[in-house]
PDB file of N, CA and C in Angstrom:
ATOM      1  N   MET A   1      10.717  10.221  18.922  1.00  0.00           N
ATOM      2  CA  MET A   1      12.055   9.298  18.490  1.00  0.00           C
ATOM      3  C   MET A   1      13.193  10.152  17.896  1.00  0.00           C
ATOM      4  N   GLU A   2      14.435  10.057  18.106  1.00  0.00           N
ATOM      5  CA  GLU A   2      15.388  10.752  17.243  1.00  0.00           C
ATOM      6  C   GLU A   2      16.104  10.130  16.352  1.00  0.00           C
ATOM      7  N   LEU A   3      15.886  10.431  15.169  1.00  0.00           N
ATOM      8  CA  LEU A   3      16.289   9.949  13.821  1.00  0.00           C
ATOM      9  C   LEU A   3      16.864  10.786  13.133  1.00  0.00           C
ATOM     10  N   VAL A   4      18.091  10.413  12.315  1.00  0.00           N
ATOM     11  CA  VAL A   4      19.023  10.966  11.458  1.00  0.00           C
ATOM     12  C   VAL A   4      19.151  10.643  10.592  1.00  0.00           C
ATOM     13  N   GLY A   5      19.704  11.764   9.317  1.00  0.00           N
ATOM     14  CA  GLY A   5      19.871  11.065   7.794  1.00  0.00           C
ATOM     15  C   GLY A   5      18.909   9.925   7.560  1.00  0.00           C
ATOM     16  N   LEU A   6      19.599   9.105   6.696  1.00  0.00           N
ATOM     17  CA  LEU A   6      18.804   8.528   5.994  1.00  0.00           C
ATOM     18  C   LEU A   6      17.812   7.797   6.556  1.00  0.00           C
ATOM     19  N   THR A   7      17.506   7.178   7.731  1.00  0.00           N
ATOM     20  CA  THR A   7      16.851   6.537   8.906  1.00  0.00           C
ATOM     21  C   THR A   7      15.646   7.495   8.902  1.00  0.00           C
ATOM     22  N   ARG A   8      15.875   8.901   9.097  1.00  0.00           N
ATOM     23  CA  ARG A   8      14.637   9.448   9.216  1.00  0.00           C
ATOM     24  C   ARG A   8      13.890   9.791   8.065  1.00  0.00           C
ATOM     25  N   GLU A   9      14.669   9.910   7.104  1.00  0.00           N
ATOM     26  CA  GLU A   9      14.140   9.965   5.635  1.00  0.00           C
ATOM     27  C   GLU A   9      13.295   8.787   4.966  1.00  0.00           C
ATOM     28  N   LEU A  10      13.387   7.543   5.822  1.00  0.00           N
ATOM     29  CA  LEU A  10      13.092   6.125   5.432  1.00  0.00           C
ATOM     30  C   LEU A  10      11.484   6.290   6.298  1.00  0.00           C
ATOM     31  N   ALA A  11      11.792   6.849   7.888  1.00  0.00           N
ATOM     32  CA  ALA A  11      10.665   6.958   8.231  1.00  0.00           C
ATOM     33  C   ALA A  11       9.608   7.918   7.986  1.00  0.00           C
ATOM     34  N   CYS A  12      10.104   9.225   7.535  1.00  0.00           N
ATOM     35  CA  CYS A  12       9.298  10.206   7.298  1.00  0.00           C
ATOM     36  C   CYS A  12       8.550   9.963   5.876  1.00  0.00           C
ATOM     37  N   ASN A  13       8.951   9.089   4.793  1.00  0.00           N
ATOM     38  CA  ASN A  13       8.269   8.992   3.755  1.00  0.00           C
ATOM     39  C   ASN A  13       7.720   7.071   3.628  1.00  0.00           C
ATOM     40  N   CYS A  14       7.076   6.906   4.987  1.00  0.00           N
ATOM     41  CA  CYS A  14       6.445   5.763   4.954  1.00  0.00           C
ATOM     42  C   CYS A  14       5.157   6.070   5.649  1.00  0.00           C
ATOM     43  N   GLN A  15       4.480   5.293   5.386  1.00  0.00           N
ATOM     44  CA  GLN A  15       2.879   5.187   5.781  1.00  0.00           C
ATOM     45  C   GLN A  15       2.870   4.056   6.778  1.00  0.00           C
ATOM     46  N   VAL A  16       2.275   4.264   7.671  1.00  0.00           N
ATOM     47  CA  VAL A  16       2.007   3.228   9.120  1.00  0.00           C
ATOM     48  C   VAL A  16       0.769   2.285   8.204  1.00  0.00           C
ATOM     49  N   MET A  17       1.182   1.124   8.120  1.00  0.00           N
ATOM     50  CA  MET A  17      -0.193   0.198   7.369  1.00  0.00           C
ATOM     51  C   MET A  17      -0.544  -0.552   8.581  1.00  0.00           C
ATOM     52  N   ASP A  18       0.193  -1.412   9.727  1.00  0.00           N
ATOM     53  CA  ASP A  18      -0.216  -1.842  10.506  1.00  0.00           C
ATOM     54  C   ASP A  18       0.978  -2.331  11.859  1.00  0.00           C
ATOM     55  N   CYS A  19       0.122  -2.203  13.111  1.00  0.00           N
ATOM     56  CA  CYS A  19       1.042  -1.917  14.093  1.00  0.00           C
ATOM     57  C   CYS A  19       0.796  -3.025  15.061  1.00  0.00           C
ATOM     58  N   GLY A  20       1.659  -4.307  15.485  1.00  0.00           N
ATOM     59  CA  GLY A  20       1.475  -5.051  16.394  1.00  0.00           C
ATOM     60  C   GLY A  20       2.505  -5.364  17.914  1.00  0.00           C
ATOM     61  N   ASP A  21       2.504  -5.700  18.483  1.00  0.00           N
ATOM     62  CA  ASP A  21       2.949  -5.930  19.685  1.00  0.00           C
ATOM     63  C   ASP A  21       4.413  -6.265  18.938  1.00  0.00           C
ATOM     64  N   ARG A  22       4.419  -6.695  17.998  1.00  0.00           N
ATOM     65  CA  ARG A  22       5.775  -7.418  17.628  1.00  0.00           C
ATOM     66  C   ARG A  22       6.394  -6.985  16.358  1.00  0.00           C
ATOM     67  N   HIS A  23       5.463  -6.250  15.938  1.00  0.00           N
ATOM     68  CA  HIS A  23       5.626  -5.542  14.176  1.00  0.00           C
ATOM     69  C   HIS A  23       5.032  -4.498  13.820  1.00  0.00           C
ATOM     70  N   ILE A  24       5.568  -3.920  12.970  1.00  0.00           N
ATOM     71  CA  ILE A  24       5.328  -2.606  12.573  1.00  0.00           C
ATOM     72  C   ILE A  24       4.993  -3.087  10.947  1.00  0.00           C
ATOM     73  N   ARG A  25       3.857  -2.552  10.380  1.00  0.00           N
ATOM     74  CA  ARG A  25       4.538  -2.789   8.635  1.00  0.00           C
ATOM     75  C   ARG A  25       4.153  -1.505   8.006  1.00  0.00           C
ATOM     76  N   LEU A  26       4.895  -1.326   7.292  1.00  0.00           N
ATOM     77  CA  LEU A  26       4.991   0.008   6.646  1.00  0.00           C
ATOM     78  C   LEU A  26       4.868  -0.002   5.291  1.00  0.00           C
ATOM     79  N   ARG A  27       4.553   1.315   4.636  1.00  0.00           N
ATOM     80  CA  ARG A  27       4.527   1.214   3.207  1.00  0.00           C
ATOM     81  C   ARG A  27       5.351   2.155   2.793  1.00  0.00           C
ATOM     82  N   LEU A  28       6.158   1.934   1.898  1.00  0.00           N
ATOM     83  CA  LEU A  28       7.271   2.716   1.326  1.00  0.00           C
ATOM     84  C   LEU A  28       6.886   3.317  -0.146  1.00  0.00           C
ATOM     85  N   ASP A  29       6.813   4.495  -0.861  1.00  0.00           N
ATOM     86  CA  ASP A  29       6.372   5.239  -1.889  1.00  0.00           C
ATOM     87  C   ASP A  29       7.543   4.546  -2.847  1.00  0.00           C
ATOM     88  N   PRO A  30       7.424   4.267  -3.888  1.00  0.00           N
ATOM     89  CA  PRO A  30       8.106   3.403  -4.678  1.00  0.00           C
ATOM     90  C   PRO A  30       9.761   4.744  -5.370  1.00  0.00           C
ATOM     91  N   GLY A  31       9.164   5.534  -5.291  1.00  0.00           N
ATOM     92  CA  GLY A  31       9.908   6.940  -5.686  1.00  0.00           C
ATOM     93  C   GLY A  31      10.731   7.417  -4.626  1.00  0.00           C
ATOM     94  N   HIS A  32      11.005   6.533  -3.441  1.00  0.00           N
ATOM     95  CA  HIS A  32      11.988   6.770  -2.527  1.00  0.00           C
ATOM     96  C   HIS A  32      12.588   5.221  -1.854  1.00  0.00           C
ATOM     97  N   GLY A  33      12.510   4.092  -2.928  1.00  0.00           N
ATOM     98  CA  GLY A  33      12.373   2.805  -2.462  1.00  0.00           C
ATOM     99  C   GLY A  33      14.037   2.805  -2.248  1.00  0.00           C
ATOM    100  N   GLN A  34      15.049   3.654  -3.090  1.00  0.00           N
ATOM    101  CA  GLN A  34      16.384   3.554  -2.747  1.00  0.00           C
ATOM    102  C   GLN A  34      16.921   3.811  -1.109  1.00  0.00           C
ATOM    103  N   LEU A  35      15.562   4.005  -0.466  1.00  0.00           N
ATOM    104  CA  LEU A  35      15.903   4.429   1.154  1.00  0.00           C
ATOM    105  C   LEU A  35      15.829   2.872   1.690  1.00  0.00           C
ATOM    106  N   ASN A  36      15.112   2.195   1.129  1.00  0.00           N
ATOM    107  CA  ASN A  36      14.980   0.504   1.976  1.00  0.00           C
ATOM    108  C   ASN A  36      16.029  -0.259   1.736  1.00  0.00           C
ATOM    109  N   ALA A  37      17.420   0.638   2.078  1.00  0.00           N
ATOM    110  CA  ALA A  37      18.660  -0.543   2.186  1.00  0.00           C
ATOM    111  C   ALA A  37      18.629  -1.169   3.579  1.00  0.00           C
ATOM    112  N   PRO A  38      18.895  -2.309   3.569  1.00  0.00           N
ATOM    113  CA  PRO A  38      18.999  -3.328   4.577  1.00  0.00           C
ATOM    114  C   PRO A  38      19.603  -2.536   5.751  1.00  0.00           C
ATOM    115  N   ARG A  39      20.122  -1.654   5.784  1.00  0.00           N
ATOM    116  CA  ARG A  39      21.431  -1.352   6.897  1.00  0.00           C
ATOM    117  C   ARG A  39      20.261  -0.008   7.570  1.00  0.00           C
ATOM    118  N   VAL A  40      19.662   0.534   6.595  1.00  0.00           N
ATOM    119  CA  VAL A  40      18.851   2.027   7.187  1.00  0.00           C
ATOM    120  C   VAL A  40      17.804   1.262   7.604  1.00  0.00           C
ATOM    121  N   LYS A  41      17.026   0.408   6.978  1.00  0.00           N
ATOM    122  CA  LYS A  41      15.807  -0.614   7.861  1.00  0.00           C
ATOM    123  C   LYS A  41      16.466  -1.356   9.163  1.00  0.00           C
ATOM    124  N   GLN A  42      17.267  -1.544   9.564  1.00  0.00           N
ATOM    125  CA  GLN A  42      18.050  -2.147  10.384  1.00  0.00           C
ATOM    126  C   GLN A  42      18.094  -1.123  11.689  1.00  0.00           C
ATOM    127  N   LYS A  43      18.225   0.397  11.306  1.00  0.00           N
ATOM    128  CA  LYS A  43      18.909   1.290  12.057  1.00  0.00           C
ATOM    129  C   LYS A  43      17.593   2.070  12.653  1.00  0.00           C
ATOM    130  N   LEU A  44      16.076   1.717  11.607  1.00  0.00           N
ATOM    131  CA  LEU A  44      15.067   2.276  11.867  1.00  0.00           C
ATOM    132  C   LEU A  44      14.672   1.003  12.741  1.00  0.00           C
ATOM    133  N   GLU A  45      14.542  -0.018  12.869  1.00  0.00           N
ATOM    134  CA  GLU A  45      14.246  -1.047  13.346  1.00  0.00           C
ATOM    135  C   GLU A  45      14.790  -0.846  15.005  1.00  0.00           C
ATOM    136  N   HIS A  46      15.817  -0.804  14.821  1.00  0.00           N
ATOM    137  CA  HIS A  46      16.670  -0.432  16.387  1.00  0.00           C
ATOM    138  C   HIS A  46      15.858   0.794  17.109  1.00  0.00           C
ATOM    139  N   ALA A  47      16.014   1.535  16.080  1.00  0.00           N
ATOM    140  CA  ALA A  47      15.554   3.198  17.132  1.00  0.00           C
ATOM    141  C   ALA A  47      14.030   3.095  17.531  1.00  0.00           C
ATOM    142  N   VAL A  48      13.397   2.035  16.756  1.00  0.00           N
ATOM    143  CA  VAL A  48      11.731   1.823  17.338  1.00  0.00           C
ATOM    144  C   VAL A  48      11.602   0.892  18.342  1.00  0.00           C
ATOM    145  N   GLU A  49      12.689  -0.110  18.245  1.00  0.00           N
ATOM    146  CA  GLU A  49      12.505  -1.143  19.421  1.00  0.00           C
ATOM    147  C   GLU A  49      13.400  -0.077  20.930  1.00  0.00           C
ATOM    148  N   ARG A  50      14.301   0.993  20.460  1.00  0.00           N
ATOM    149  CA  ARG A  50      13.974   1.814  21.819  1.00  0.00           C
ATOM    150  C   ARG A  50      13.058   2.339  22.494  1.00  0.00           C
ATOM    151  N   TYR A  51      12.815   2.881  21.469  1.00  0.00           N
ATOM    152  CA  TYR A  51      11.610   3.473  21.966  1.00  0.00           C
ATOM    153  C   TYR A  51      10.514   2.835  22.376  1.00  0.00           C
ATOM    154  N   LEU A  52      10.067   1.671  21.964  1.00  0.00           N
ATOM    155  CA  LEU A  52       8.890   0.997  22.479  1.00  0.00           C
ATOM    156  C   LEU A  52       9.424   0.525  23.921  1.00  0.00           C
ATOM    157  N   ALA A  53      10.840   0.040  23.430  1.00  0.00           N
ATOM    158  CA  ALA A  53      11.194  -0.703  24.615  1.00  0.00           C
ATOM    159  C   ALA A  53      10.798  -1.762  24.559  1.00  0.00           C
ATOM    160  N   ARG A  54      11.033  -2.471  23.247  1.00  0.00           N
ATOM    161  CA  ARG A  54      10.547  -4.192  23.174  1.00  0.00           C
ATOM    162  C   ARG A  54      11.492  -4.494  21.685  1.00  0.00           C
ATOM    163  N   ARG A  55      11.461  -5.985  21.701  1.00  0.00           N
ATOM    164  CA  ARG A  55      11.687  -6.221  20.130  1.00  0.00           C
ATOM    165  C   ARG A  55      10.747  -6.312  19.381  1.00  0.00           C
ATOM    166  N   VAL A  56      10.899  -5.551  17.990  1.00  0.00           N
ATOM    167  CA  VAL A  56       9.735  -5.218  17.089  1.00  0.00           C
ATOM    168  C   VAL A  56      10.557  -5.428  15.957  1.00  0.00           C
ATOM    169  N   ARG A  57       9.872  -6.295  15.164  1.00  0.00           N
ATOM    170  CA  ARG A  57      10.126  -6.191  13.239  1.00  0.00           C
ATOM    171  C   ARG A  57       9.412  -5.241  12.655  1.00  0.00           C
ATOM    172  N   VAL A  58      10.502  -4.725  11.646  1.00  0.00           N
ATOM    173  CA  VAL A  58       9.797  -3.574  11.027  1.00  0.00           C
ATOM    174  C   VAL A  58       9.662  -4.454   9.395  1.00  0.00           C
ATOM    175  N   GLU A  59       8.612  -4.594   8.881  1.00  0.00           N
ATOM    176  CA  GLU A  59       8.646  -4.644   7.688  1.00  0.00           C
ATOM    177  C   GLU A  59       7.838  -3.535   6.481  1.00  0.00           C
ATOM    178  N   ILE A  60       8.616  -3.595   5.247  1.00  0.00           N
ATOM    179  CA  ILE A  60       8.491  -2.594   4.710  1.00  0.00           C
ATOM    180  C   ILE A  60       8.370  -3.210   3.575  1.00  0.00           C
ATOM    181  N   GLU A  61       7.057  -2.604   2.557  1.00  0.00           N
ATOM    182  CA  GLU A  61       6.444  -3.048   1.298  1.00  0.00           C
ATOM    183  C   GLU A  61       6.861  -1.973   0.793  1.00  0.00           C
ATOM    184  N   ILE A  62       7.049  -1.614  -0.719  1.00  0.00           N
ATOM    185  CA  ILE A  62       7.482  -0.773  -1.587  1.00  0.00           C
ATOM    186  C   ILE A  62       5.831  -0.461  -2.673  1.00  0.00           C
ATOM    187  N   ALA A  63       5.260   0.362  -1.984  1.00  0.00           N
ATOM    188  CA  ALA A  63       3.814   0.473  -3.009  1.00  0.00           C
ATOM    189  C   ALA A  63       3.234   1.902  -2.749  1.00  0.00           C
ATOM    190  N   PRO A  64       2.637   2.451  -3.423  1.00  0.00           N
ATOM    191  CA  PRO A  64       2.374   4.198  -2.938  1.00  0.00           C
ATOM    192  C   PRO A  64       1.270   4.030  -1.988  1.00  0.00           C
ATOM    193  N   PRO A  65       1.717   4.780  -1.247  1.00  0.00           N
ATOM    194  CA  PRO A  65       0.917   5.071   0.375  1.00  0.00           C
ATOM    195  C   PRO A  65      -0.348   5.241  -0.106  1.00  0.00           C
ATOM    196  N   ASP A  66      -1.430   5.253   0.456  1.00  0.00           N
ATOM    197  CA  ASP A  66      -2.748   5.439   0.300  1.00  0.00           C
ATOM    198  C   ASP A  66      -3.637   6.285   1.200  1.00  0.00           C
ATOM    199  N   GLY A  67      -2.392   7.144   2.038  1.00  0.00           N
ATOM    200  CA  GLY A  67      -2.722   8.113   3.126  1.00  0.00           C
ATOM    201  C   GLY A  67      -1.432   8.891   2.588  1.00  0.00           C
ATOM    202  N   GLU A  68      -1.288   9.979   4.032  1.00  0.00           N
ATOM    203  CA  GLU A  68      -0.283  10.734   4.236  1.00  0.00           C
ATOM    204  C   GLU A  68       0.853  10.170   4.555  1.00  0.00           C
ATOM    205  N   THR A  69       2.121  10.388   4.284  1.00  0.00           N
ATOM    206  CA  THR A  69       3.189  10.042   4.837  1.00  0.00           C
ATOM    207  C   THR A  69       3.627  11.328   5.854  1.00  0.00           C
ATOM    208  N   PRO A  70       4.585  11.450   6.916  1.00  0.00           N
ATOM    209  CA  PRO A  70       4.752  12.497   7.458  1.00  0.00           C
ATOM    210  C   PRO A  70       5.654  13.194   6.656  1.00  0.00           C
ATOM    211  N   ALA A  71       6.371  12.897   5.583  1.00  0.00           N
ATOM    212  CA  ALA A  71       6.960  13.871   4.626  1.00  0.00           C
ATOM    213  C   ALA A  71       5.945  14.660   3.785  1.00  0.00           C
ATOM    214  N   LEU A  72       4.843  13.705   3.488  1.00  0.00           N
ATOM    215  CA  LEU A  72       3.911  14.620   2.555  1.00  0.00           C
ATOM    216  C   LEU A  72       3.113  15.647   3.293  1.00  0.00           C
ATOM    217  N   ALA A  73       2.913  15.154   4.657  1.00  0.00           N
ATOM    218  CA  ALA A  73       2.265  16.376   5.620  1.00  0.00           C
ATOM    219  C   ALA A  73       3.253  17.606   5.575  1.00  0.00           C
ATOM    220  N   GLN A  74       4.071  16.957   5.863  1.00  0.00           N
ATOM    221  CA  GLN A  74       5.164  18.540   6.091  1.00  0.00           C
ATOM    222  C   GLN A  74       5.332  19.115   5.192  1.00  0.00           C
ATOM    223  N   GLN A  75       5.289  18.805   3.335  1.00  0.00           N
ATOM    224  CA  GLN A  75       5.230  19.260   2.399  1.00  0.00           C
ATOM    225  C   GLN A  75       3.543  20.257   2.402  1.00  0.00           C
ATOM    226  N   ARG A  76       2.816  19.528   2.637  1.00  0.00           N
ATOM    227  CA  ARG A  76       1.475  20.264   2.359  1.00  0.00           C
ATOM    228  C   ARG A  76       1.573  21.386   3.548  1.00  0.00           C
ATOM    229  N   ASP A  77       2.079  21.066   4.506  1.00  0.00           N
ATOM    230  CA  ASP A  77       1.992  22.261   5.662  1.00  0.00           C
ATOM    231  C   ASP A  77       3.241  23.430   4.910  1.00  0.00           C
ATOM    232  N   ILE A  78       4.093  23.157   4.104  1.00  0.00           N
ATOM    233  CA  ILE A  78       4.791  24.328   3.972  1.00  0.00           C
ATOM    234  C   ILE A  78       4.008  24.846   2.800  1.00  0.00           C
ATOM    235  N   GLU A  79       3.399  23.994   1.685  1.00  0.00           N
ATOM    236  CA  GLU A  79       2.768  25.091   1.077  1.00  0.00           C
ATOM    237  C   GLU A  79       1.356  25.812   1.364  1.00  0.00           C
ATOM    238  N   LEU A  80       1.019  25.380   2.599  1.00  0.00           N
ATOM    239  CA  LEU A  80       0.045  26.091   3.029  1.00  0.00           C
ATOM    240  C   LEU A  80       0.205  27.433   3.660  1.00  0.00           C
ATOM    241  N   ARG A  81       1.439  27.084   4.182  1.00  0.00           N
ATOM    242  CA  ARG A  81       2.235  28.189   4.899  1.00  0.00           C
ATOM    243  C   ARG A  81       2.343  29.450   3.673  1.00  0.00           C
ATOM    244  N   GLN A  82       3.425  28.993   2.436  1.00  0.00           N
ATOM    245  CA  GLN A  82       3.537  29.855   1.641  1.00  0.00           C
ATOM    246  C   GLN A  82       2.582  30.339   1.014  1.00  0.00           C
ATOM    247  N   GLN A  83       1.417  29.767   0.970  1.00  0.00           N
ATOM    248  CA  GLN A  83      -0.157  30.276   0.230  1.00  0.00           C
ATOM    249  C   GLN A  83      -0.328  31.228   1.274  1.00  0.00           C
ATOM    250  N   ALA A  84      -0.537  31.219   2.573  1.00  0.00           N
ATOM    251  CA  ALA A  84      -1.081  31.844   3.495  1.00  0.00           C
ATOM    252  C   ALA A  84      -0.047  33.250   3.525  1.00  0.00           C
ATOM    253  N   ALA A  85       1.364  33.531   3.232  1.00  0.00           N
ATOM    254  CA  ALA A  85       2.513  34.129   3.714  1.00  0.00           C
ATOM    255  C   ALA A  85       2.156  35.070   2.040  1.00  0.00           C
ATOM    256  N   VAL A  86       1.780  34.384   0.938  1.00  0.00           N
ATOM    257  CA  VAL A  86       1.635  35.144  -0.157  1.00  0.00           C
ATOM    258  C   VAL A  86       0.472  36.189  -0.058  1.00  0.00           C
ATOM    259  N   GLU A  87      -0.840  35.484   0.203  1.00  0.00           N
ATOM    260  CA  GLU A  87      -1.980  36.331   0.317  1.00  0.00           C
ATOM    261  C   GLU A  87      -2.103  37.410   1.425  1.00  0.00           C
ATOM    262  N   ALA A  88      -1.511  37.097   2.349  1.00  0.00           N
ATOM    263  CA  ALA A  88      -1.220  38.165   3.775  1.00  0.00           C
ATOM    264  C   ALA A  88      -0.098  39.327   2.709  1.00  0.00           C
ATOM    265  N   ILE A  89       0.835  39.125   2.058  1.00  0.00           N
ATOM    266  CA  ILE A  89       1.372  40.227   1.655  1.00  0.00           C
ATOM    267  C   ILE A  89       0.431  40.883   0.138  1.00  0.00           C
ATOM    268  N   GLU A  90      -0.281  40.044  -0.486  1.00  0.00           N
ATOM    269  CA  GLU A  90      -1.237  40.611  -1.470  1.00  0.00           C
ATOM    270  C   GLU A  90      -2.210  41.389  -1.018  1.00  0.00           C
ATOM    271  N   ASN A  91      -2.720  40.577   0.359  1.00  0.00           N
ATOM    272  CA  ASN A  91      -3.809  41.978   1.072  1.00  0.00           C
ATOM    273  C   ASN A  91      -3.304  42.500   1.740  1.00  0.00           C
ATOM    274  N   ASP A  92      -2.303  43.160   2.050  1.00  0.00           N
ATOM    275  CA  ASP A  92      -1.634  44.022   2.894  1.00  0.00           C
ATOM    276  C   ASP A  92      -1.651  45.365   2.052  1.00  0.00           C
ATOM    277  N   SER A  93      -2.436  46.554   2.426  1.00  0.00           N
ATOM    278  CA  SER A  93      -3.093  47.832   1.894  1.00  0.00           C
ATOM    279  C   SER A  93      -1.777  48.233   1.624  1.00  0.00           C
ATOM    280  N   GLY A  94      -0.677  48.330   2.359  1.00  0.00           N
ATOM    281  CA  GLY A  94       0.697  49.004   2.735  1.00  0.00           C
ATOM    282  C   GLY A  94       1.260  48.938   1.497  1.00  0.00           C
ATOM    283  N   VAL A  95       1.218  47.415   1.095  1.00  0.00           N
ATOM    284  CA  VAL A  95       2.263  46.727   0.560  1.00  0.00           C
ATOM    285  C   VAL A  95       1.632  46.936  -1.255  1.00  0.00           C
ATOM    286  N   GLN A  96       0.236  46.932  -1.353  1.00  0.00           N
ATOM    287  CA  GLN A  96      -0.597  47.363  -2.414  1.00  0.00           C
ATOM    288  C   GLN A  96      -0.279  48.947  -2.876  1.00  0.00           C
ATOM    289  N   ALA A  97      -0.094  50.041  -1.700  1.00  0.00           N
ATOM    290  CA  ALA A  97      -0.147  51.243  -1.936  1.00  0.00           C
ATOM    291  C   ALA A  97       1.646  51.316  -2.488  1.00  0.00           C
ATOM    292  N   ILE A  98       2.544  50.289  -2.082  1.00  0.00           N
ATOM    293  CA  ILE A  98       3.997  50.481  -2.766  1.00  0.00           C
ATOM    294  C   ILE A  98       3.829  50.280  -3.908  1.00  0.00           C
ATOM    295  N   CYS A  99       3.269  49.231  -4.338  1.00  0.00           N
ATOM    296  CA  CYS A  99       3.207  48.463  -5.777  1.00  0.00           C
ATOM    297  C   CYS A  99       2.575  49.803  -6.532  1.00  0.00           C
ATOM    298  N   ASP A 100       1.461  50.197  -6.332  1.00  0.00           N
ATOM    299  CA  ASP A 100       0.885  50.958  -7.358  1.00  0.00           C
ATOM    300  C   ASP A 100       1.744  52.433  -7.440  1.00  0.00           C
ATOM    301  N   LEU A 101       2.159  52.814  -6.278  1.00  0.00           N
ATOM    302  CA  LEU A 101       3.384  53.850  -6.545  1.00  0.00           C
ATOM    303  C   LEU A 101       4.441  53.682  -7.663  1.00  0.00           C
ATOM    304  N   PHE A 102       5.015  52.528  -7.037  1.00  0.00           N
ATOM    305  CA  PHE A 102       6.004  52.403  -8.249  1.00  0.00           C
ATOM    306  C   PHE A 102       6.134  51.037  -9.337  1.00  0.00           C
ATOM    307  N   GLY A 103       4.452  50.982  -9.562  1.00  0.00           N
ATOM    308  CA  GLY A 103       4.507  50.083 -10.719  1.00  0.00           C
ATOM    309  C   GLY A 103       5.066  48.813 -10.705  1.00  0.00           C
ATOM    310  N   THR A 104       5.345  48.370  -9.498  1.00  0.00           N
ATOM    311  CA  THR A 104       5.688  46.572  -9.454  1.00  0.00           C
ATOM    312  C   THR A 104       4.685  45.641  -9.305  1.00  0.00           C
ATOM    313  N   GLN A 105       4.706  44.806  -9.047  1.00  0.00           N
ATOM    314  CA  GLN A 105       4.212  43.486  -8.822  1.00  0.00           C
ATOM    315  C   GLN A 105       5.283  42.787  -7.640  1.00  0.00           C
ATOM    316  N   ILE A 106       4.168  41.819  -7.161  1.00  0.00           N
ATOM    317  CA  ILE A 106       4.983  40.743  -5.745  1.00  0.00           C
ATOM    318  C   ILE A 106       5.673  39.581  -6.628  1.00  0.00           C
ATOM    319  N   ASP A 107       6.896  39.709  -6.298  1.00  0.00           N
ATOM    320  CA  ASP A 107       7.187  38.383  -6.827  1.00  0.00           C
ATOM    321  C   ASP A 107       6.973  36.847  -6.086  1.00  0.00           C
ATOM    322  N   LYS A 108       6.240  36.326  -5.998  1.00  0.00           N
ATOM    323  CA  LYS A 108       5.220  35.278  -5.183  1.00  0.00           C
ATOM    324  C   LYS A 108       6.486  34.185  -5.115  1.00  0.00           C
ATOM    325  N   GLU A 109       7.592  33.764  -5.751  1.00  0.00           N
ATOM    326  CA  GLU A 109       8.426  33.013  -5.650  1.00  0.00           C
ATOM    327  C   GLU A 109       9.110  33.736  -4.233  1.00  0.00           C
ATOM    328  N   ARG A 110       9.263  34.931  -3.964  1.00  0.00           N
ATOM    329  CA  ARG A 110      10.310  35.150  -3.260  1.00  0.00           C
ATOM    330  C   ARG A 110       9.702  35.509  -1.924  1.00  0.00           C
ATOM    331  N   VAL A 111       8.316  35.438  -1.547  1.00  0.00           N
ATOM    332  CA  VAL A 111       7.832  35.361  -0.259  1.00  0.00           C
ATOM    333  C   VAL A 111       8.172  34.666   0.020  1.00  0.00           C
ATOM    334  N   ARG A 112       8.345  34.625   1.771  1.00  0.00           N
ATOM    335  CA  ARG A 112       8.725  33.641   2.570  1.00  0.00           C
ATOM    336  C   ARG A 112       8.279  33.691   3.903  1.00  0.00           C
ATOM    337  N   PRO A 113       7.670  32.467   4.422  1.00  0.00           N
ATOM    338  CA  PRO A 113       6.761  32.747   5.654  1.00  0.00           C
ATOM    339  C   PRO A 113       7.425  32.877   6.988  1.00  0.00           C
ATOM    340  N   VAL A 114       7.400  33.634   7.760  1.00  0.00           N
ATOM    341  CA  VAL A 114       7.636  34.142   8.865  1.00  0.00           C
ATOM    342  C   VAL A 114       7.795  32.568  10.063  1.00  0.00           C
ATOM    343  N   ASP A 115       8.882  31.934  10.639  1.00  0.00           N
ATOM    344  CA  ASP A 115       8.908  31.231  11.397  1.00  0.00           C
ATOM    345  C   ASP A 115       8.204  31.736  13.021  1.00  0.00           C
TER     346      ASP A 115
END
């Protein structure tokens, strides 16, 4: 589904709670409640209708999610990739030899995973 801007942010920060033939109930974390503007919700509803090729009512409740939202999953993936990149650098014998030779340390904040 092609979503952009605030509509994409709203969808990514929601957890699907229930999905029926004519409705979808989402849960939005209170920290992202500002995304639940009527116009943004309407755009999300229209995008879902186009995607499903039927009329659908999107209901959004503001409450902490009890599971993972797409945004939380993406953040978890970023953190895992960062951790793996740091571990790969730290465990590389060539990098360790250079650090030992020059008496330096790895700046973990500057390590970036390769896409």
